[in-house]
């Protein structure tokens, strides 16, 4: 008997693995923030990961009779998590916006998503239409956060930014891949079973990238702290007679 050409990844199991991995990453980010209190991106990333974990956990509770409100709430939490990361990265790069303004911006993005999804449900759109909107929002937010992370390197020169930016771009690529699969499914080019099988690899990539982003942010905080200490020591040395 011929062996299958691919390994089928079980989506519900991947959801559970994603929840565990993101919670562990949130803990690591929070512990790193206790050491680097000026690295607001670490604290916000921890909060974003917790929001995303709760959203994924709600999604795993779905069943045949699950209401649309649960799906919307689960997806909205994840969108809020990436919106939070985007505004926090802007602040890490020197944006002087107060926390209240950052919260309002993240909440506004989430409200726009909820409005679009609610309208699509009222118009009788299928669940994959909601998945399409969700993937576009998450992919777009991950992409602009990746750009913000990379762009900030022109100011502070942190080399560790490249890892975090690349991992965020990987999350965006996985979500755009999901959009493509939904489109192929919509036009009956790919059957739903094949689309789900292929998306398993996209979920796996997203989970790995979340861990890489966390590692990159910790490296950024350490590298910036080292740069500040080096600059301070040089300043003291220059001021000495």
C-alpha atoms as a PDB file:
ATOM      1  CA  UNK A   1       0.000   0.000   0.000  1.00  0.00           C
ATOM      2  CA  UNK A   2       1.356   3.416  -0.969  1.00  0.00           C
ATOM      3  CA  UNK A   3       2.034   5.820   1.847  1.00  0.00           C
ATOM      4  CA  UNK A   4       0.264   9.229   1.827  1.00  0.00           C
ATOM      5  CA  UNK A   5       2.246  12.083   0.356  1.00  0.00           C
ATOM      6  CA  UNK A   6       1.426  14.363   3.315  1.00  0.00           C
ATOM      7  CA  UNK A   7       0.867  14.257   7.053  1.00  0.00           C
ATOM      8  CA  UNK A   8      -2.647  15.295   8.035  1.00  0.00           C
ATOM      9  CA  UNK A   9      -2.574  17.718  10.987  1.00  0.00           C
ATOM     10  CA  UNK A  10      -5.596  17.513  13.287  1.00  0.00           C
ATOM     11  CA  UNK A  11      -7.038  21.053  13.524  1.00  0.00           C
ATOM     12  CA  UNK A  12      -8.677  20.749  16.996  1.00  0.00           C
ATOM     13  CA  UNK A  13      -5.404  19.411  18.385  1.00  0.00           C
ATOM     14  CA  UNK A  14      -3.527  22.290  16.791  1.00  0.00           C
ATOM     15  CA  UNK A  15      -5.967  24.710  18.455  1.00  0.00           C
ATOM     16  CA  UNK A  16      -5.137  23.239  21.870  1.00  0.00           C
ATOM     17  CA  UNK A  17      -1.396  23.322  21.122  1.00  0.00           C
ATOM     18  CA  UNK A  18      -1.756  26.951  20.032  1.00  0.00           C
ATOM     19  CA  UNK A  19      -3.481  27.889  23.308  1.00  0.00           C
ATOM     20  CA  UNK A  20      -0.766  26.236  25.404  1.00  0.00           C
ATOM     21  CA  UNK A  21       2.070  27.721  23.344  1.00  0.00           C
ATOM     22  CA  UNK A  22       0.671  31.247  23.425  1.00  0.00           C
ATOM     23  CA  UNK A  23       0.072  31.124  27.172  1.00  0.00           C
ATOM     24  CA  UNK A  24       3.653  29.974  27.730  1.00  0.00           C
ATOM     25  CA  UNK A  25       4.884  32.766  25.450  1.00  0.00           C
ATOM     26  CA  UNK A  26       2.734  35.254  27.393  1.00  0.00           C
ATOM     27  CA  UNK A  27       4.365  34.117  30.633  1.00  0.00           C
ATOM     28  CA  UNK A  28       7.843  34.499  29.170  1.00  0.00           C
ATOM     29  CA  UNK A  29       6.993  37.989  27.886  1.00  0.00           C
ATOM     30  CA  UNK A  30       5.634  39.048  31.264  1.00  0.00           C
ATOM     31  CA  UNK A  31       8.689  37.759  33.106  1.00  0.00           C
ATOM     32  CA  UNK A  32      10.941  39.624  30.679  1.00  0.00           C
ATOM     33  CA  UNK A  33       8.914  42.788  31.193  1.00  0.00           C
ATOM     34  CA  UNK A  34       9.495  42.614  34.952  1.00  0.00           C
ATOM     35  CA  UNK A  35      13.178  42.955  34.162  1.00  0.00           C
ATOM     36  CA  UNK A  36      12.782  45.571  31.417  1.00  0.00           C
ATOM     37  CA  UNK A  37       9.944  47.817  32.586  1.00  0.00           C
ATOM     38  CA  UNK A  38      10.560  50.338  29.795  1.00  0.00           C
ATOM     39  CA  UNK A  39       9.876  47.686  27.121  1.00  0.00           C
ATOM     40  CA  UNK A  40       6.129  48.297  26.867  1.00  0.00           C
ATOM     41  CA  UNK A  41       5.931  46.005  23.840  1.00  0.00           C
ATOM     42  CA  UNK A  42       6.659  42.996  26.068  1.00  0.00           C
ATOM     43  CA  UNK A  43       3.789  43.769  28.425  1.00  0.00           C
ATOM     44  CA  UNK A  44       1.401  44.484  25.567  1.00  0.00           C
ATOM     45  CA  UNK A  45       2.512  41.347  23.723  1.00  0.00           C
ATOM     46  CA  UNK A  46       1.765  39.307  26.859  1.00  0.00           C
ATOM     47  CA  UNK A  47      -1.711  40.866  27.045  1.00  0.00           C
ATOM     48  CA  UNK A  48      -2.203  40.270  23.319  1.00  0.00           C
ATOM     49  CA  UNK A  49      -1.256  36.611  23.663  1.00  0.00           C
ATOM     50  CA  UNK A  50      -3.693  36.126  26.540  1.00  0.00           C
ATOM     51  CA  UNK A  51      -6.486  37.692  24.475  1.00  0.00           C
ATOM     52  CA  UNK A  52      -5.612  35.492  21.518  1.00  0.00           C
ATOM     53  CA  UNK A  53      -5.504  32.387  23.709  1.00  0.00           C
ATOM     54  CA  UNK A  54      -8.959  33.102  25.114  1.00  0.00           C
ATOM     55  CA  UNK A  55     -10.255  33.631  21.589  1.00  0.00           C
ATOM     56  CA  UNK A  56      -8.791  30.338  20.380  1.00  0.00           C
ATOM     57  CA  UNK A  57     -10.146  28.559  23.462  1.00  0.00           C
ATOM     58  CA  UNK A  58     -13.640  29.875  22.751  1.00  0.00           C
ATOM     59  CA  UNK A  59     -13.303  28.678  19.173  1.00  0.00           C
ATOM     60  CA  UNK A  60     -12.447  25.155  20.350  1.00  0.00           C
ATOM     61  CA  UNK A  61     -15.773  25.053  22.242  1.00  0.00           C
ATOM     62  CA  UNK A  62     -17.714  25.273  19.006  1.00  0.00           C
ATOM     63  CA  UNK A  63     -20.318  22.648  18.193  1.00  0.00           C
ATOM     64  CA  UNK A  64     -23.204  21.997  15.805  1.00  0.00           C
ATOM     65  CA  UNK A  65     -25.487  24.346  17.733  1.00  0.00           C
ATOM     66  CA  UNK A  66     -22.943  27.054  18.488  1.00  0.00           C
ATOM     67  CA  UNK A  67     -24.348  30.565  18.105  1.00  0.00           C
ATOM     68  CA  UNK A  68     -22.777  33.093  15.794  1.00  0.00           C
ATOM     69  CA  UNK A  69     -22.036  35.342  18.783  1.00  0.00           C
ATOM     70  CA  UNK A  70     -19.423  32.896  20.079  1.00  0.00           C
ATOM     71  CA  UNK A  71     -17.576  32.869  16.760  1.00  0.00           C
ATOM     72  CA  UNK A  72     -17.647  36.669  16.581  1.00  0.00           C
ATOM     73  CA  UNK A  73     -16.409  37.000  20.173  1.00  0.00           C
ATOM     74  CA  UNK A  74     -13.587  34.510  19.623  1.00  0.00           C
ATOM     75  CA  UNK A  75     -12.375  36.228  16.460  1.00  0.00           C
ATOM     76  CA  UNK A  76     -12.788  39.716  17.957  1.00  0.00           C
ATOM     77  CA  UNK A  77     -10.473  38.829  20.844  1.00  0.00           C
ATOM     78  CA  UNK A  78      -7.740  37.773  18.440  1.00  0.00           C
ATOM     79  CA  UNK A  79      -8.184  40.891  16.315  1.00  0.00           C
ATOM     80  CA  UNK A  80      -7.970  42.973  19.500  1.00  0.00           C
ATOM     81  CA  UNK A  81      -4.766  41.181  20.439  1.00  0.00           C
ATOM     82  CA  UNK A  82      -3.010  42.065  17.178  1.00  0.00           C
ATOM     83  CA  UNK A  83      -4.347  45.631  17.287  1.00  0.00           C
ATOM     84  CA  UNK A  84      -2.890  45.920  20.789  1.00  0.00           C
ATOM     85  CA  UNK A  85       0.470  44.679  19.576  1.00  0.00           C
ATOM     86  CA  UNK A  86       0.526  47.166  16.724  1.00  0.00           C
ATOM     87  CA  UNK A  87      -0.116  50.232  18.887  1.00  0.00           C
ATOM     88  CA  UNK A  88       2.314  49.003  21.547  1.00  0.00           C
ATOM     89  CA  UNK A  89       5.080  48.566  18.966  1.00  0.00           C
ATOM     90  CA  UNK A  90       4.490  52.148  17.857  1.00  0.00           C
ATOM     91  CA  UNK A  91       4.979  53.228  21.445  1.00  0.00           C
ATOM     92  CA  UNK A  92       8.117  51.114  21.746  1.00  0.00           C
ATOM     93  CA  UNK A  93       9.425  53.002  18.726  1.00  0.00           C
ATOM     94  CA  UNK A  94       8.944  56.340  20.474  1.00  0.00           C
ATOM     95  CA  UNK A  95       5.299  57.220  19.897  1.00  0.00           C
ATOM     96  CA  UNK A  96       4.211  59.449  22.787  1.00  0.00           C
ATOM     97  CA  UNK A  97       0.536  58.473  22.589  1.00  0.00           C
ATOM     98  CA  UNK A  98      -0.891  57.880  26.099  1.00  0.00           C
ATOM     99  CA  UNK A  99      -2.208  54.411  27.037  1.00  0.00           C
ATOM    100  CA  UNK A 100      -5.824  55.615  26.850  1.00  0.00           C
ATOM    101  CA  UNK A 101      -5.394  56.683  23.244  1.00  0.00           C
ATOM    102  CA  UNK A 102      -3.723  53.372  22.405  1.00  0.00           C
ATOM    103  CA  UNK A 103      -6.648  51.502  23.959  1.00  0.00           C
ATOM    104  CA  UNK A 104      -9.165  53.569  21.999  1.00  0.00           C
ATOM    105  CA  UNK A 105      -7.371  52.863  18.712  1.00  0.00           C
ATOM    106  CA  UNK A 106      -7.230  49.116  19.370  1.00  0.00           C
ATOM    107  CA  UNK A 107     -10.885  49.089  20.441  1.00  0.00           C
ATOM    108  CA  UNK A 108     -11.904  51.039  17.333  1.00  0.00           C
ATOM    109  CA  UNK A 109     -10.196  48.521  15.033  1.00  0.00           C
ATOM    110  CA  UNK A 110     -11.920  45.673  16.863  1.00  0.00           C
ATOM    111  CA  UNK A 111     -15.306  47.413  16.618  1.00  0.00           C
ATOM    112  CA  UNK A 112     -14.894  47.825  12.858  1.00  0.00           C
ATOM    113  CA  UNK A 113     -14.200  44.111  12.564  1.00  0.00           C
ATOM    114  CA  UNK A 114     -17.234  43.189  14.691  1.00  0.00           C
ATOM    115  CA  UNK A 115     -19.424  45.523  12.629  1.00  0.00           C
ATOM    116  CA  UNK A 116     -18.319  44.007   9.320  1.00  0.00           C
ATOM    117  CA  UNK A 117     -18.780  40.458  10.574  1.00  0.00           C
ATOM    118  CA  UNK A 118     -22.187  41.230  12.083  1.00  0.00           C
ATOM    119  CA  UNK A 119     -23.365  42.785   8.833  1.00  0.00           C
ATOM    120  CA  UNK A 120     -22.138  39.733   6.901  1.00  0.00           C
ATOM    121  CA  UNK A 121     -24.076  37.429   9.240  1.00  0.00           C
ATOM    122  CA  UNK A 122     -27.215  39.537   8.889  1.00  0.00           C
ATOM    123  CA  UNK A 123     -26.890  39.295   5.115  1.00  0.00           C
ATOM    124  CA  UNK A 124     -26.770  35.514   5.383  1.00  0.00           C
ATOM    125  CA  UNK A 125     -23.109  35.105   4.486  1.00  0.00           C
ATOM    126  CA  UNK A 126     -21.516  31.750   5.205  1.00  0.00           C
ATOM    127  CA  UNK A 127     -19.080  31.085   8.016  1.00  0.00           C
ATOM    128  CA  UNK A 128     -16.175  31.168   5.586  1.00  0.00           C
ATOM    129  CA  UNK A 129     -17.066  34.806   4.799  1.00  0.00           C
ATOM    130  CA  UNK A 130     -16.429  35.613   8.446  1.00  0.00           C
ATOM    131  CA  UNK A 131     -13.202  33.618   8.284  1.00  0.00           C
ATOM    132  CA  UNK A 132     -12.193  35.656   5.250  1.00  0.00           C
ATOM    133  CA  UNK A 133     -12.747  38.980   7.037  1.00  0.00           C
ATOM    134  CA  UNK A 134     -11.005  37.661  10.141  1.00  0.00           C
ATOM    135  CA  UNK A 135      -7.949  36.467   8.215  1.00  0.00           C
ATOM    136  CA  UNK A 136      -7.700  39.785   6.380  1.00  0.00           C
ATOM    137  CA  UNK A 137      -7.781  41.752   9.641  1.00  0.00           C
ATOM    138  CA  UNK A 138      -5.282  39.537  11.466  1.00  0.00           C
ATOM    139  CA  UNK A 139      -2.990  39.300   8.454  1.00  0.00           C
ATOM    140  CA  UNK A 140      -3.129  43.036   7.864  1.00  0.00           C
ATOM    141  CA  UNK A 141      -2.434  43.889  11.504  1.00  0.00           C
ATOM    142  CA  UNK A 142       0.429  41.389  11.666  1.00  0.00           C
ATOM    143  CA  UNK A 143       1.892  42.888   8.500  1.00  0.00           C
ATOM    144  CA  UNK A 144       1.761  46.510   9.695  1.00  0.00           C
ATOM    145  CA  UNK A 145       3.236  45.421  13.040  1.00  0.00           C
ATOM    146  CA  UNK A 146       6.055  43.683  11.180  1.00  0.00           C
ATOM    147  CA  UNK A 147       6.702  46.853   9.219  1.00  0.00           C
ATOM    148  CA  UNK A 148       6.610  48.952  12.411  1.00  0.00           C
ATOM    149  CA  UNK A 149       9.075  46.568  14.045  1.00  0.00           C
ATOM    150  CA  UNK A 150      11.475  46.662  11.114  1.00  0.00           C
ATOM    151  CA  UNK A 151      11.080  50.416  10.559  1.00  0.00           C
ATOM    152  CA  UNK A 152      12.032  51.172  14.160  1.00  0.00           C
ATOM    153  CA  UNK A 153      15.413  49.615  13.528  1.00  0.00           C
ATOM    154  CA  UNK A 154      16.390  52.683  11.511  1.00  0.00           C
ATOM    155  CA  UNK A 155      16.207  54.699  14.721  1.00  0.00           C
ATOM    156  CA  UNK A 156      17.769  52.438  17.345  1.00  0.00           C
ATOM    157  CA  UNK A 157      19.674  49.955  15.167  1.00  0.00           C
ATOM    158  CA  UNK A 158      18.548  46.882  17.128  1.00  0.00           C
ATOM    159  CA  UNK A 159      19.541  43.860  15.051  1.00  0.00           C
ATOM    160  CA  UNK A 160      17.146  41.594  16.952  1.00  0.00           C
ATOM    161  CA  UNK A 161      14.257  43.468  15.367  1.00  0.00           C
ATOM    162  CA  UNK A 162      14.790  41.421  12.220  1.00  0.00           C
ATOM    163  CA  UNK A 163      13.708  38.193  13.920  1.00  0.00           C
ATOM    164  CA  UNK A 164      10.533  39.687  15.388  1.00  0.00           C
ATOM    165  CA  UNK A 165       9.658  41.424  12.111  1.00  0.00           C
ATOM    166  CA  UNK A 166      10.242  38.250  10.069  1.00  0.00           C
ATOM    167  CA  UNK A 167       8.105  36.184  12.461  1.00  0.00           C
ATOM    168  CA  UNK A 168       5.274  38.732  12.327  1.00  0.00           C
ATOM    169  CA  UNK A 169       5.521  38.662   8.531  1.00  0.00           C
ATOM    170  CA  UNK A 170       5.251  34.871   8.773  1.00  0.00           C
ATOM    171  CA  UNK A 171       1.975  35.204  10.690  1.00  0.00           C
ATOM    172  CA  UNK A 172       0.712  37.596   8.026  1.00  0.00           C
ATOM    173  CA  UNK A 173       1.759  35.186   5.266  1.00  0.00           C
ATOM    174  CA  UNK A 174      -0.066  32.318   6.984  1.00  0.00           C
ATOM    175  CA  UNK A 175      -3.250  34.380   7.173  1.00  0.00           C
ATOM    176  CA  UNK A 176      -2.989  35.442   3.539  1.00  0.00           C
ATOM    177  CA  UNK A 177      -2.521  31.760   2.713  1.00  0.00           C
ATOM    178  CA  UNK A 178      -5.778  31.132   4.578  1.00  0.00           C
ATOM    179  CA  UNK A 179      -7.480  33.807   2.476  1.00  0.00           C
ATOM    180  CA  UNK A 180      -6.290  32.051  -0.664  1.00  0.00           C
ATOM    181  CA  UNK A 181      -7.604  28.692   0.560  1.00  0.00           C
ATOM    182  CA  UNK A 182     -10.978  30.221   1.388  1.00  0.00           C
ATOM    183  CA  UNK A 183     -11.130  31.703  -2.086  1.00  0.00           C
ATOM    184  CA  UNK A 184     -10.316  28.379  -3.729  1.00  0.00           C
ATOM    185  CA  UNK A 185     -12.945  26.687  -1.567  1.00  0.00           C
ATOM    186  CA  UNK A 186     -15.492  29.368  -2.402  1.00  0.00           C
ATOM    187  CA  UNK A 187     -15.091  28.771  -6.142  1.00  0.00           C
ATOM    188  CA  UNK A 188     -15.065  24.975  -5.667  1.00  0.00           C
ATOM    189  CA  UNK A 189     -11.510  24.693  -6.926  1.00  0.00           C
ATOM    190  CA  UNK A 190     -10.403  22.934  -3.733  1.00  0.00           C
ATOM    191  CA  UNK A 191     -12.692  20.777  -1.616  1.00  0.00           C
ATOM    192  CA  UNK A 192     -13.175  21.714   2.083  1.00  0.00           C
ATOM    193  CA  UNK A 193     -11.298  18.647   3.355  1.00  0.00           C
ATOM    194  CA  UNK A 194      -8.188  19.528   1.336  1.00  0.00           C
ATOM    195  CA  UNK A 195      -8.426  23.176   2.376  1.00  0.00           C
ATOM    196  CA  UNK A 196      -8.573  22.192   6.059  1.00  0.00           C
ATOM    197  CA  UNK A 197      -5.647  19.811   5.603  1.00  0.00           C
ATOM    198  CA  UNK A 198      -3.522  22.537   4.016  1.00  0.00           C
ATOM    199  CA  UNK A 199      -4.558  25.091   6.615  1.00  0.00           C
ATOM    200  CA  UNK A 200      -3.209  22.781   9.329  1.00  0.00           C
ATOM    201  CA  UNK A 201       0.281  23.632   8.116  1.00  0.00           C
ATOM    202  CA  UNK A 202      -0.616  27.328   8.182  1.00  0.00           C
ATOM    203  CA  UNK A 203      -1.751  27.025  11.808  1.00  0.00           C
ATOM    204  CA  UNK A 204       1.461  25.248  12.695  1.00  0.00           C
ATOM    205  CA  UNK A 205       3.496  28.027  11.058  1.00  0.00           C
ATOM    206  CA  UNK A 206       1.516  30.686  12.941  1.00  0.00           C
ATOM    207  CA  UNK A 207       2.148  29.010  16.300  1.00  0.00           C
ATOM    208  CA  UNK A 208       5.886  28.742  15.609  1.00  0.00           C
ATOM    209  CA  UNK A 209       5.983  32.386  14.529  1.00  0.00           C
ATOM    210  CA  UNK A 210       4.247  33.486  17.749  1.00  0.00           C
ATOM    211  CA  UNK A 211       7.054  31.865  19.735  1.00  0.00           C
ATOM    212  CA  UNK A 212       9.658  33.475  17.475  1.00  0.00           C
ATOM    213  CA  UNK A 213       8.068  36.916  17.904  1.00  0.00           C
ATOM    214  CA  UNK A 214       8.232  36.464  21.685  1.00  0.00           C
ATOM    215  CA  UNK A 215      11.884  35.463  21.491  1.00  0.00           C
ATOM    216  CA  UNK A 216      12.607  38.421  19.221  1.00  0.00           C
ATOM    217  CA  UNK A 217      10.918  40.907  21.568  1.00  0.00           C
ATOM    218  CA  UNK A 218      12.900  39.609  24.540  1.00  0.00           C
ATOM    219  CA  UNK A 219      16.098  39.963  22.525  1.00  0.00           C
ATOM    220  CA  UNK A 220      15.086  43.517  21.543  1.00  0.00           C
ATOM    221  CA  UNK A 221      14.571  44.484  25.185  1.00  0.00           C
ATOM    222  CA  UNK A 222      17.913  42.972  26.211  1.00  0.00           C
ATOM    223  CA  UNK A 223      19.755  44.547  23.304  1.00  0.00           C
ATOM    224  CA  UNK A 224      18.319  47.992  23.961  1.00  0.00           C
ATOM    225  CA  UNK A 225      19.147  47.742  27.673  1.00  0.00           C
ATOM    226  CA  UNK A 226      22.719  46.773  26.802  1.00  0.00           C
ATOM    227  CA  UNK A 227      22.972  49.701  24.385  1.00  0.00           C
ATOM    228  CA  UNK A 228      21.741  52.139  27.036  1.00  0.00           C
ATOM    229  CA  UNK A 229      24.176  50.791  29.619  1.00  0.00           C
ATOM    230  CA  UNK A 230      27.045  51.008  27.136  1.00  0.00           C
ATOM    231  CA  UNK A 231      26.153  54.592  26.218  1.00  0.00           C
ATOM    232  CA  UNK A 232      25.896  55.522  29.910  1.00  0.00           C
ATOM    233  CA  UNK A 233      29.287  53.985  30.718  1.00  0.00           C
ATOM    234  CA  UNK A 234      30.902  55.825  27.824  1.00  0.00           C
ATOM    235  CA  UNK A 235      29.329  59.048  29.001  1.00  0.00           C
ATOM    236  CA  UNK A 236      30.683  58.561  32.503  1.00  0.00           C
ATOM    237  CA  UNK A 237      34.098  57.701  31.131  1.00  0.00           C
ATOM    238  CA  UNK A 238      34.144  60.805  28.966  1.00  0.00           C
ATOM    239  CA  UNK A 239      33.147  62.990  31.910  1.00  0.00           C
ATOM    240  CA  UNK A 240      35.934  61.625  34.145  1.00  0.00           C
ATOM    241  CA  UNK A 241      39.145  63.712  34.345  1.00  0.00           C
END
